[in-house]
Amino acid sequence: SALGFGCAVLSGCHLYLFGGKDPLKGSMRRVIFYSARTNKWHRAPDMLRKRHFFGSCVINNCLYVAGGECEGIQRTLRSAEVYDPNRNRWSFIADMSTAMVPFIGVVYDGKWFLKGLGAHREVLSEAYTPESNLWSPINDGMVSGWRNPSISMNGKLYALDCRDGCKLRVYDEKTDSWSRFIDSKIHLGNSRALEAAALVPINGKLCIIRNNMSISMVDVSGTDKRAEGSSGIWENIAIKGHFRNLFTNLWSSIAGRSGLKSHIVHCQVLQV
């Protein structure tokens, strides 16, 4: 029943759950992971700092976390850390320029971009470069038009252009702007159940996952130009019967489904 926890995949088959806020214990440092190959849960070393509602990403099979909140005088955090599974330890990295509670993040062009709210609820954007271990404020067209969810695939940055995920946008570095990329021409609706919750890569295709477990698969490999409603590019899939029960039971065993039963918190791809 923890809120604001992180979720990531390392080594292709290990699903990590970390941090978050327990209703009784408050902010946590705890880290556990599930192995898809052994079908077992394991403990991992705790994070160095308690935190919830933080940003996280994976770069070169290392897990990075930054910002977030923790009970105390300095509620909003600047600190950041990295977990290396080969060394099985956490290490602090450079602090962020400003304390932030991230609400969107993506790894693009070798950098980790984060956008969130500062201590005074102002919108902030920063980018972290692992090679130099430096954070830098970002105020370009990429972050100004950036929406959640988003994904970096094949060197390009994609985001949704509507609530149900029926349209895709792409970021153009040359013009430093976002533009309409693909329109499926099939608008599904504006309900919470149909809201697109995540973008994930599966077998080279971009998959749009909605709260009702419906999926759209988009082939973005050969679409350098904008496409409108191409049936060969866009495919809608409805998960029914056995597969729906399988996903529902797996999600229930991982995180429980108390209040928001139609809301997907995290979505990851595991290699079995």
C-alpha atoms as a PDB file:
ATOM      1  CA  SER A   1       0.000   0.000   0.000  1.00  0.00           C
ATOM      2  CA  ALA A   2       3.033   2.301  -0.358  1.00  0.00           C
ATOM      3  CA  LEU A   3       2.634   5.507  -2.368  1.00  0.00           C
ATOM      4  CA  GLY A   4       5.173   7.190  -4.608  1.00  0.00           C
ATOM      5  CA  PHE A   5       7.483   4.174  -4.956  1.00  0.00           C
ATOM      6  CA  GLY A   6       9.833   3.576  -7.876  1.00  0.00           C
ATOM      7  CA  CYS A   7       9.835   0.712 -10.362  1.00  0.00           C
ATOM      8  CA  ALA A   8      12.538  -0.309 -12.846  1.00  0.00           C
ATOM      9  CA  VAL A   9      14.033  -3.316 -14.637  1.00  0.00           C
ATOM     10  CA  LEU A  10      17.719  -4.246 -14.447  1.00  0.00           C
ATOM     11  CA  SER A  11      19.489  -7.025 -16.368  1.00  0.00           C
ATOM     12  CA  GLY A  12      16.325  -7.537 -18.404  1.00  0.00           C
ATOM     13  CA  CYS A  13      14.693  -9.917 -15.924  1.00  0.00           C
ATOM     14  CA  HIS A  14      14.862  -8.247 -12.490  1.00  0.00           C
ATOM     15  CA  LEU A  15      11.931  -6.021 -11.515  1.00  0.00           C
ATOM     16  CA  TYR A  16      12.933  -3.589  -8.758  1.00  0.00           C
ATOM     17  CA  LEU A  17      10.530  -1.800  -6.396  1.00  0.00           C
ATOM     18  CA  PHE A  18      12.115   0.863  -4.207  1.00  0.00           C
ATOM     19  CA  GLY A  19      11.327   3.687  -1.828  1.00  0.00           C
ATOM     20  CA  GLY A  20       7.842   5.071  -1.405  1.00  0.00           C
ATOM     21  CA  LYS A  21       5.790   6.168   1.572  1.00  0.00           C
ATOM     22  CA  ASP A  22       4.272   3.636   3.931  1.00  0.00           C
ATOM     23  CA  PRO A  23       1.040   4.820   5.665  1.00  0.00           C
ATOM     24  CA  LEU A  24       2.504   3.917   9.067  1.00  0.00           C
ATOM     25  CA  LYS A  25       6.294   4.046   8.660  1.00  0.00           C
ATOM     26  CA  GLY A  26       6.516   7.073   6.371  1.00  0.00           C
ATOM     27  CA  SER A  27       9.194   7.461   3.691  1.00  0.00           C
ATOM     28  CA  MET A  28      11.253   4.325   3.051  1.00  0.00           C
ATOM     29  CA  ARG A  29      14.685   3.305   1.759  1.00  0.00           C
ATOM     30  CA  ARG A  30      13.660  -0.315   1.180  1.00  0.00           C
ATOM     31  CA  VAL A  31      14.516  -2.068  -2.104  1.00  0.00           C
ATOM     32  CA  ILE A  32      13.234  -5.449  -3.299  1.00  0.00           C
ATOM     33  CA  PHE A  33      13.354  -7.153  -6.674  1.00  0.00           C
ATOM     34  CA  TYR A  34      11.533  -9.948  -8.481  1.00  0.00           C
ATOM     35  CA  SER A  35      13.421 -12.363 -10.731  1.00  0.00           C
ATOM     36  CA  ALA A  36      11.378 -13.460 -13.741  1.00  0.00           C
ATOM     37  CA  ARG A  37      13.690 -16.439 -14.205  1.00  0.00           C
ATOM     38  CA  THR A  38      13.397 -17.850 -10.675  1.00  0.00           C
ATOM     39  CA  ASN A  39       9.897 -16.497  -9.910  1.00  0.00           C
ATOM     40  CA  LYS A  40      11.130 -15.308  -6.502  1.00  0.00           C
ATOM     41  CA  TRP A  41      11.421 -12.019  -4.613  1.00  0.00           C
ATOM     42  CA  HIS A  42      14.712 -10.895  -3.071  1.00  0.00           C
ATOM     43  CA  ARG A  43      15.975  -8.043  -0.886  1.00  0.00           C
ATOM     44  CA  ALA A  44      18.523  -5.594  -2.268  1.00  0.00           C
ATOM     45  CA  PRO A  45      20.584  -2.979  -0.392  1.00  0.00           C
ATOM     46  CA  ASP A  46      18.499  -0.073   0.900  1.00  0.00           C
ATOM     47  CA  MET A  47      18.770   3.321  -0.758  1.00  0.00           C
ATOM     48  CA  LEU A  48      20.987   5.817   1.040  1.00  0.00           C
ATOM     49  CA  ARG A  49      18.129   8.277   1.581  1.00  0.00           C
ATOM     50  CA  LYS A  50      14.467   7.794   2.430  1.00  0.00           C
ATOM     51  CA  ARG A  51      12.294   9.236  -0.327  1.00  0.00           C
ATOM     52  CA  HIS A  52       8.952   9.027  -2.098  1.00  0.00           C
ATOM     53  CA  PHE A  53       7.538  10.589  -5.284  1.00  0.00           C
ATOM     54  CA  PHE A  54      11.038  10.759  -6.758  1.00  0.00           C
ATOM     55  CA  GLY A  55      12.405  10.320 -10.274  1.00  0.00           C
ATOM     56  CA  SER A  56      14.141   7.149 -11.436  1.00  0.00           C
ATOM     57  CA  CYS A  57      15.721   5.757 -14.587  1.00  0.00           C
ATOM     58  CA  VAL A  58      18.102   3.074 -15.849  1.00  0.00           C
ATOM     59  CA  ILE A  59      21.315   3.974 -17.700  1.00  0.00           C
ATOM     60  CA  ASN A  60      23.882   1.299 -18.620  1.00  0.00           C
ATOM     61  CA  ASN A  61      22.077  -1.175 -16.350  1.00  0.00           C
ATOM     62  CA  CYS A  62      22.499   1.094 -13.318  1.00  0.00           C
ATOM     63  CA  LEU A  63      19.513   2.442 -11.385  1.00  0.00           C
ATOM     64  CA  TYR A  64      19.401   6.200 -10.758  1.00  0.00           C
ATOM     65  CA  VAL A  65      17.035   8.002  -8.358  1.00  0.00           C
ATOM     66  CA  ALA A  66      16.759  11.733  -7.677  1.00  0.00           C
ATOM     67  CA  GLY A  67      14.669  14.273  -5.809  1.00  0.00           C
ATOM     68  CA  GLY A  68      11.328  13.450  -4.274  1.00  0.00           C
ATOM     69  CA  GLU A  69      10.017  14.068  -0.782  1.00  0.00           C
ATOM     70  CA  CYS A  70      10.823  12.948   2.751  1.00  0.00           C
ATOM     71  CA  GLU A  71       9.396  13.862   6.135  1.00  0.00           C
ATOM     72  CA  GLY A  72      11.342  16.529   7.982  1.00  0.00           C
ATOM     73  CA  ILE A  73      12.441  20.141   7.708  1.00  0.00           C
ATOM     74  CA  GLN A  74      13.808  19.755   4.170  1.00  0.00           C
ATOM     75  CA  ARG A  75      10.754  18.033   2.751  1.00  0.00           C
ATOM     76  CA  THR A  76      11.683  18.396  -0.927  1.00  0.00           C
ATOM     77  CA  LEU A  77      14.976  16.689  -1.796  1.00  0.00           C
ATOM     78  CA  ARG A  78      17.944  17.642  -3.993  1.00  0.00           C
ATOM     79  CA  SER A  79      19.941  14.475  -3.391  1.00  0.00           C
ATOM     80  CA  ALA A  80      20.460  11.773  -6.023  1.00  0.00           C
ATOM     81  CA  GLU A  81      22.025   8.319  -5.964  1.00  0.00           C
ATOM     82  CA  VAL A  82      22.839   5.345  -8.187  1.00  0.00           C
ATOM     83  CA  TYR A  83      22.674   1.577  -7.653  1.00  0.00           C
ATOM     84  CA  ASP A  84      25.140  -0.668  -9.482  1.00  0.00           C
ATOM     85  CA  PRO A  85      23.909  -4.309  -9.445  1.00  0.00           C
ATOM     86  CA  ASN A  86      27.399  -5.591 -10.287  1.00  0.00           C
ATOM     87  CA  ARG A  87      28.807  -3.996  -7.128  1.00  0.00           C
ATOM     88  CA  ASN A  88      25.527  -4.451  -5.213  1.00  0.00           C
ATOM     89  CA  ARG A  89      25.782  -1.015  -3.620  1.00  0.00           C
ATOM     90  CA  TRP A  90      24.326   2.490  -3.729  1.00  0.00           C
ATOM     91  CA  SER A  91      26.440   5.627  -4.136  1.00  0.00           C
ATOM     92  CA  PHE A  92      25.531   9.300  -3.987  1.00  0.00           C
ATOM     93  CA  ILE A  93      25.905  11.304  -7.195  1.00  0.00           C
ATOM     94  CA  ALA A  94      25.858  15.089  -7.599  1.00  0.00           C
ATOM     95  CA  ASP A  95      22.891  16.885  -6.042  1.00  0.00           C
ATOM     96  CA  MET A  96      20.312  18.438  -8.325  1.00  0.00           C
ATOM     97  CA  SER A  97      20.574  22.194  -8.875  1.00  0.00           C
ATOM     98  CA  THR A  98      17.251  22.684  -7.087  1.00  0.00           C
ATOM     99  CA  ALA A  99      15.098  20.453  -4.901  1.00  0.00           C
ATOM    100  CA  MET A 100      12.354  18.870  -6.978  1.00  0.00           C
ATOM    101  CA  VAL A 101       9.447  16.413  -6.913  1.00  0.00           C
ATOM    102  CA  PRO A 102       9.598  15.028 -10.484  1.00  0.00           C
ATOM    103  CA  PHE A 103       6.398  14.151 -12.330  1.00  0.00           C
ATOM    104  CA  ILE A 104       7.976  13.138 -15.652  1.00  0.00           C
ATOM    105  CA  GLY A 105      11.354  11.799 -16.725  1.00  0.00           C
ATOM    106  CA  VAL A 106      13.079  10.202 -19.707  1.00  0.00           C
ATOM    107  CA  VAL A 107      16.554   9.166 -20.848  1.00  0.00           C
ATOM    108  CA  TYR A 108      17.277  10.805 -24.193  1.00  0.00           C
ATOM    109  CA  ASP A 109      20.485  11.547 -26.077  1.00  0.00           C
ATOM    110  CA  GLY A 110      22.615  10.181 -23.242  1.00  0.00           C
ATOM    111  CA  LYS A 111      21.041  12.450 -20.628  1.00  0.00           C
ATOM    112  CA  TRP A 112      18.393  11.970 -17.955  1.00  0.00           C
ATOM    113  CA  PHE A 113      15.730  14.660 -18.228  1.00  0.00           C
ATOM    114  CA  LEU A 114      13.425  15.441 -15.293  1.00  0.00           C
ATOM    115  CA  LYS A 115      10.521  17.856 -14.997  1.00  0.00           C
ATOM    116  CA  GLY A 116       8.708  18.514 -11.736  1.00  0.00           C
ATOM    117  CA  LEU A 117       7.698  20.884  -8.971  1.00  0.00           C
ATOM    118  CA  GLY A 118      10.069  22.780  -6.693  1.00  0.00           C
ATOM    119  CA  ALA A 119       9.675  23.523  -3.003  1.00  0.00           C
ATOM    120  CA  HIS A 120       7.377  26.462  -3.819  1.00  0.00           C
ATOM    121  CA  ARG A 121       5.348  24.467  -6.400  1.00  0.00           C
ATOM    122  CA  GLU A 122       7.137  26.129  -9.319  1.00  0.00           C
ATOM    123  CA  VAL A 123       7.770  24.036 -12.458  1.00  0.00           C
ATOM    124  CA  LEU A 124      11.434  23.050 -12.863  1.00  0.00           C
ATOM    125  CA  SER A 125      13.379  21.069 -15.468  1.00  0.00           C
ATOM    126  CA  GLU A 126      16.865  19.589 -15.206  1.00  0.00           C
ATOM    127  CA  ALA A 127      19.110  17.201 -17.119  1.00  0.00           C
ATOM    128  CA  TYR A 128      21.760  14.889 -15.674  1.00  0.00           C
ATOM    129  CA  THR A 129      24.826  13.772 -17.642  1.00  0.00           C
ATOM    130  CA  PRO A 130      26.337  10.572 -16.157  1.00  0.00           C
ATOM    131  CA  GLU A 131      29.744  11.026 -17.813  1.00  0.00           C
ATOM    132  CA  SER A 132      30.357  14.385 -16.146  1.00  0.00           C
ATOM    133  CA  ASN A 133      28.169  13.781 -13.064  1.00  0.00           C
ATOM    134  CA  LEU A 134      26.554  17.187 -13.554  1.00  0.00           C
ATOM    135  CA  TRP A 135      22.992  18.548 -13.424  1.00  0.00           C
ATOM    136  CA  SER A 136      21.973  21.523 -15.547  1.00  0.00           C
ATOM    137  CA  PRO A 137      18.694  23.492 -15.771  1.00  0.00           C
ATOM    138  CA  ILE A 138      16.823  23.042 -19.071  1.00  0.00           C
ATOM    139  CA  ASN A 139      14.435  25.579 -20.588  1.00  0.00           C
ATOM    140  CA  ASP A 140      14.278  24.615 -24.270  1.00  0.00           C
ATOM    141  CA  GLY A 141      11.419  23.545 -26.524  1.00  0.00           C
ATOM    142  CA  MET A 142      11.826  19.918 -25.586  1.00  0.00           C
ATOM    143  CA  VAL A 143      10.753  20.359 -21.961  1.00  0.00           C
ATOM    144  CA  SER A 144       8.219  23.126 -22.633  1.00  0.00           C
ATOM    145  CA  GLY A 145       6.164  20.834 -24.879  1.00  0.00           C
ATOM    146  CA  TRP A 146       6.981  17.619 -23.020  1.00  0.00           C
ATOM    147  CA  ARG A 147       4.047  15.510 -21.824  1.00  0.00           C
ATOM    148  CA  ASN A 148       3.659  12.311 -19.860  1.00  0.00           C
ATOM    149  CA  PRO A 149       3.944   9.500 -20.801  1.00  0.00           C
ATOM    150  CA  SER A 150       6.907   9.686 -23.158  1.00  0.00           C
ATOM    151  CA  ILE A 151       9.586   7.324 -24.456  1.00  0.00           C
ATOM    152  CA  SER A 152      12.915   7.408 -26.253  1.00  0.00           C
ATOM    153  CA  MET A 153      13.214   4.840 -29.054  1.00  0.00           C
ATOM    154  CA  ASN A 154      15.729   4.517 -31.880  1.00  0.00           C
ATOM    155  CA  GLY A 155      17.255   7.863 -30.976  1.00  0.00           C
ATOM    156  CA  LYS A 156      13.930   9.729 -31.127  1.00  0.00           C
ATOM    157  CA  LEU A 157      11.706  11.105 -28.375  1.00  0.00           C
ATOM    158  CA  TYR A 158       7.973  10.368 -28.561  1.00  0.00           C
ATOM    159  CA  ALA A 159       5.028  11.535 -26.442  1.00  0.00           C
ATOM    160  CA  LEU A 160       1.257  11.274 -26.624  1.00  0.00           C
ATOM    161  CA  ASP A 161      -0.868  14.013 -28.137  1.00  0.00           C
ATOM    162  CA  CYS A 162      -4.197  12.998 -26.585  1.00  0.00           C
ATOM    163  CA  ARG A 163      -5.461  11.449 -23.362  1.00  0.00           C
ATOM    164  CA  ASP A 164      -6.344   8.021 -24.785  1.00  0.00           C
ATOM    165  CA  GLY A 165      -3.121   7.717 -26.774  1.00  0.00           C
ATOM    166  CA  CYS A 166      -4.657   7.834 -30.248  1.00  0.00           C
ATOM    167  CA  LYS A 167      -2.065  10.351 -31.480  1.00  0.00           C
ATOM    168  CA  LEU A 168       1.714  10.492 -31.198  1.00  0.00           C
ATOM    169  CA  ARG A 169       4.062  13.472 -31.215  1.00  0.00           C
ATOM    170  CA  VAL A 170       7.797  13.493 -31.899  1.00  0.00           C
ATOM    171  CA  TYR A 171      10.486  15.949 -30.837  1.00  0.00           C
ATOM    172  CA  ASP A 172      12.512  17.565 -33.630  1.00  0.00           C
ATOM    173  CA  GLU A 173      15.988  18.620 -32.478  1.00  0.00           C
ATOM    174  CA  LYS A 174      16.544  20.815 -35.539  1.00  0.00           C
ATOM    175  CA  THR A 175      13.545  23.043 -34.816  1.00  0.00           C
ATOM    176  CA  ASP A 176      13.581  22.443 -31.030  1.00  0.00           C
ATOM    177  CA  SER A 177       9.844  21.743 -31.131  1.00  0.00           C
ATOM    178  CA  TRP A 178       7.242  18.980 -30.964  1.00  0.00           C
ATOM    179  CA  SER A 179       5.057  18.065 -33.938  1.00  0.00           C
ATOM    180  CA  ARG A 180       2.217  15.662 -34.739  1.00  0.00           C
ATOM    181  CA  PHE A 181       3.763  12.375 -35.865  1.00  0.00           C
ATOM    182  CA  ILE A 182       1.089   9.683 -36.219  1.00  0.00           C
ATOM    183  CA  ASP A 183      -2.696   9.947 -35.921  1.00  0.00           C
ATOM    184  CA  SER A 184      -4.575   6.647 -35.660  1.00  0.00           C
ATOM    185  CA  LYS A 185      -7.864   8.422 -36.503  1.00  0.00           C
ATOM    186  CA  ILE A 186      -9.505   6.222 -33.835  1.00  0.00           C
ATOM    187  CA  HIS A 187     -10.450   8.239 -30.749  1.00  0.00           C
ATOM    188  CA  LEU A 188     -11.395   5.863 -27.911  1.00  0.00           C
ATOM    189  CA  GLY A 189     -12.721   8.307 -25.303  1.00  0.00           C
ATOM    190  CA  ASN A 190     -11.783  10.465 -22.324  1.00  0.00           C
ATOM    191  CA  SER A 191     -12.632   8.154 -19.409  1.00  0.00           C
ATOM    192  CA  ARG A 192     -10.093   7.225 -16.721  1.00  0.00           C
ATOM    193  CA  ALA A 193     -10.165   3.597 -17.896  1.00  0.00           C
ATOM    194  CA  LEU A 194      -9.148   4.582 -21.436  1.00  0.00           C
ATOM    195  CA  GLU A 195      -6.397   6.945 -20.331  1.00  0.00           C
ATOM    196  CA  ALA A 196      -2.962   5.994 -21.672  1.00  0.00           C
ATOM    197  CA  ALA A 197      -0.767   5.215 -18.661  1.00  0.00           C
ATOM    198  CA  ALA A 198       2.541   4.167 -20.198  1.00  0.00           C
ATOM    199  CA  LEU A 199       4.653   3.828 -23.321  1.00  0.00           C
ATOM    200  CA  VAL A 200       6.937   0.776 -23.496  1.00  0.00           C
ATOM    201  CA  PRO A 201       9.072  -0.828 -26.238  1.00  0.00           C
ATOM    202  CA  ILE A 202       8.216  -4.409 -27.218  1.00  0.00           C
ATOM    203  CA  ASN A 203       9.925  -6.203 -30.108  1.00  0.00           C
ATOM    204  CA  GLY A 204      10.912  -2.950 -31.751  1.00  0.00           C
ATOM    205  CA  LYS A 205       7.417  -1.461 -31.583  1.00  0.00           C
ATOM    206  CA  LEU A 206       6.081   1.335 -29.411  1.00  0.00           C
ATOM    207  CA  CYS A 207       3.281   0.028 -27.188  1.00  0.00           C
ATOM    208  CA  ILE A 208       0.662   2.296 -25.638  1.00  0.00           C
ATOM    209  CA  ILE A 209      -0.747   0.762 -22.428  1.00  0.00           C
ATOM    210  CA  ARG A 210      -4.081   2.036 -21.088  1.00  0.00           C
ATOM    211  CA  ASN A 211      -5.617   1.709 -17.641  1.00  0.00           C
ATOM    212  CA  ASN A 212      -8.155  -0.854 -18.905  1.00  0.00           C
ATOM    213  CA  MET A 213      -5.256  -3.047 -20.140  1.00  0.00           C
ATOM    214  CA  SER A 214      -5.957  -2.332 -23.813  1.00  0.00           C
ATOM    215  CA  ILE A 215      -2.847  -1.915 -25.944  1.00  0.00           C
ATOM    216  CA  SER A 216      -1.966  -0.151 -29.179  1.00  0.00           C
ATOM    217  CA  MET A 217       1.192  -1.204 -30.998  1.00  0.00           C
ATOM    218  CA  VAL A 218       2.822   1.341 -33.300  1.00  0.00           C
ATOM    219  CA  ASP A 219       5.596   0.550 -35.770  1.00  0.00           C
ATOM    220  CA  VAL A 220       7.784   3.657 -35.678  1.00  0.00           C
ATOM    221  CA  SER A 221      10.831   2.028 -37.278  1.00  0.00           C
ATOM    222  CA  GLY A 222      10.322   3.269 -40.830  1.00  0.00           C
ATOM    223  CA  THR A 223       8.149   6.335 -40.295  1.00  0.00           C
ATOM    224  CA  ASP A 224      10.502   9.262 -40.708  1.00  0.00           C
ATOM    225  CA  LYS A 225       7.643  11.348 -42.040  1.00  0.00           C
ATOM    226  CA  ARG A 226       4.287  11.997 -40.456  1.00  0.00           C
ATOM    227  CA  ALA A 227       1.638   9.352 -41.098  1.00  0.00           C
ATOM    228  CA  GLU A 228      -2.117   9.693 -40.853  1.00  0.00           C
ATOM    229  CA  GLY A 229      -4.187   6.641 -39.934  1.00  0.00           C
ATOM    230  CA  SER A 230      -2.000   4.042 -41.629  1.00  0.00           C
ATOM    231  CA  SER A 231      -3.352   0.578 -40.811  1.00  0.00           C
ATOM    232  CA  GLY A 232       0.053  -0.992 -41.359  1.00  0.00           C
ATOM    233  CA  ILE A 233       1.637   1.202 -38.707  1.00  0.00           C
ATOM    234  CA  TRP A 234      -0.994   1.204 -35.933  1.00  0.00           C
ATOM    235  CA  GLU A 235      -2.623  -1.869 -34.384  1.00  0.00           C
ATOM    236  CA  ASN A 236      -5.097  -1.930 -31.476  1.00  0.00           C
ATOM    237  CA  ILE A 237      -5.137  -4.973 -29.203  1.00  0.00           C
ATOM    238  CA  ALA A 238      -7.658  -5.793 -26.476  1.00  0.00           C
ATOM    239  CA  ILE A 239      -6.424  -8.096 -23.706  1.00  0.00           C
ATOM    240  CA  LYS A 240      -9.218 -10.470 -22.745  1.00  0.00           C
ATOM    241  CA  GLY A 241      -9.909 -13.647 -20.825  1.00  0.00           C
ATOM    242  CA  HIS A 242      -6.885 -15.561 -19.580  1.00  0.00           C
ATOM    243  CA  PHE A 243      -4.355 -12.826 -20.379  1.00  0.00           C
ATOM    244  CA  ARG A 244      -6.362 -10.110 -18.607  1.00  0.00           C
ATOM    245  CA  ASN A 245      -6.639 -12.306 -15.494  1.00  0.00           C
ATOM    246  CA  LEU A 246      -2.913 -13.094 -15.680  1.00  0.00           C
ATOM    247  CA  PHE A 247      -1.923  -9.416 -15.765  1.00  0.00           C
ATOM    248  CA  THR A 248      -4.450  -8.474 -13.078  1.00  0.00           C
ATOM    249  CA  ASN A 249      -3.273 -11.227 -10.721  1.00  0.00           C
ATOM    250  CA  LEU A 250       0.396 -10.372 -11.289  1.00  0.00           C
ATOM    251  CA  TRP A 251      -0.219  -6.680 -10.592  1.00  0.00           C
ATOM    252  CA  SER A 252      -2.231  -7.526  -7.457  1.00  0.00           C
ATOM    253  CA  SER A 253       0.590  -9.704  -6.129  1.00  0.00           C
ATOM    254  CA  ILE A 254       3.172  -6.971  -6.742  1.00  0.00           C
ATOM    255  CA  ALA A 255       1.524  -3.845  -5.405  1.00  0.00           C
ATOM    256  CA  GLY A 256      -2.039  -4.531  -4.362  1.00  0.00           C
ATOM    257  CA  ARG A 257      -5.017  -2.651  -5.782  1.00  0.00           C
ATOM    258  CA  SER A 258      -6.779  -0.796  -3.021  1.00  0.00           C
ATOM    259  CA  GLY A 259      -8.469   2.433  -4.030  1.00  0.00           C
ATOM    260  CA  LEU A 260      -7.661   3.230  -7.662  1.00  0.00           C
ATOM    261  CA  LYS A 261      -8.464  -0.119  -9.231  1.00  0.00           C
ATOM    262  CA  SER A 262      -8.445   1.255 -12.780  1.00  0.00           C
ATOM    263  CA  HIS A 263      -5.181   3.169 -12.483  1.00  0.00           C
ATOM    264  CA  ILE A 264      -1.828   1.766 -13.627  1.00  0.00           C
ATOM    265  CA  VAL A 265       1.006   3.156 -11.514  1.00  0.00           C
ATOM    266  CA  HIS A 266       4.005   1.570 -13.284  1.00  0.00           C
ATOM    267  CA  CYS A 267       4.495  -0.498 -16.425  1.00  0.00           C
ATOM    268  CA  GLN A 268       7.680  -2.410 -17.271  1.00  0.00           C
ATOM    269  CA  VAL A 269       8.837  -5.088 -19.726  1.00  0.00           C
ATOM    270  CA  LEU A 270      10.560  -8.231 -18.404  1.00  0.00           C
ATOM    271  CA  GLN A 271      12.558 -10.852 -20.295  1.00  0.00           C
ATOM    272  CA  VAL A 272      11.607 -14.365 -19.199  1.00  0.00           C
END
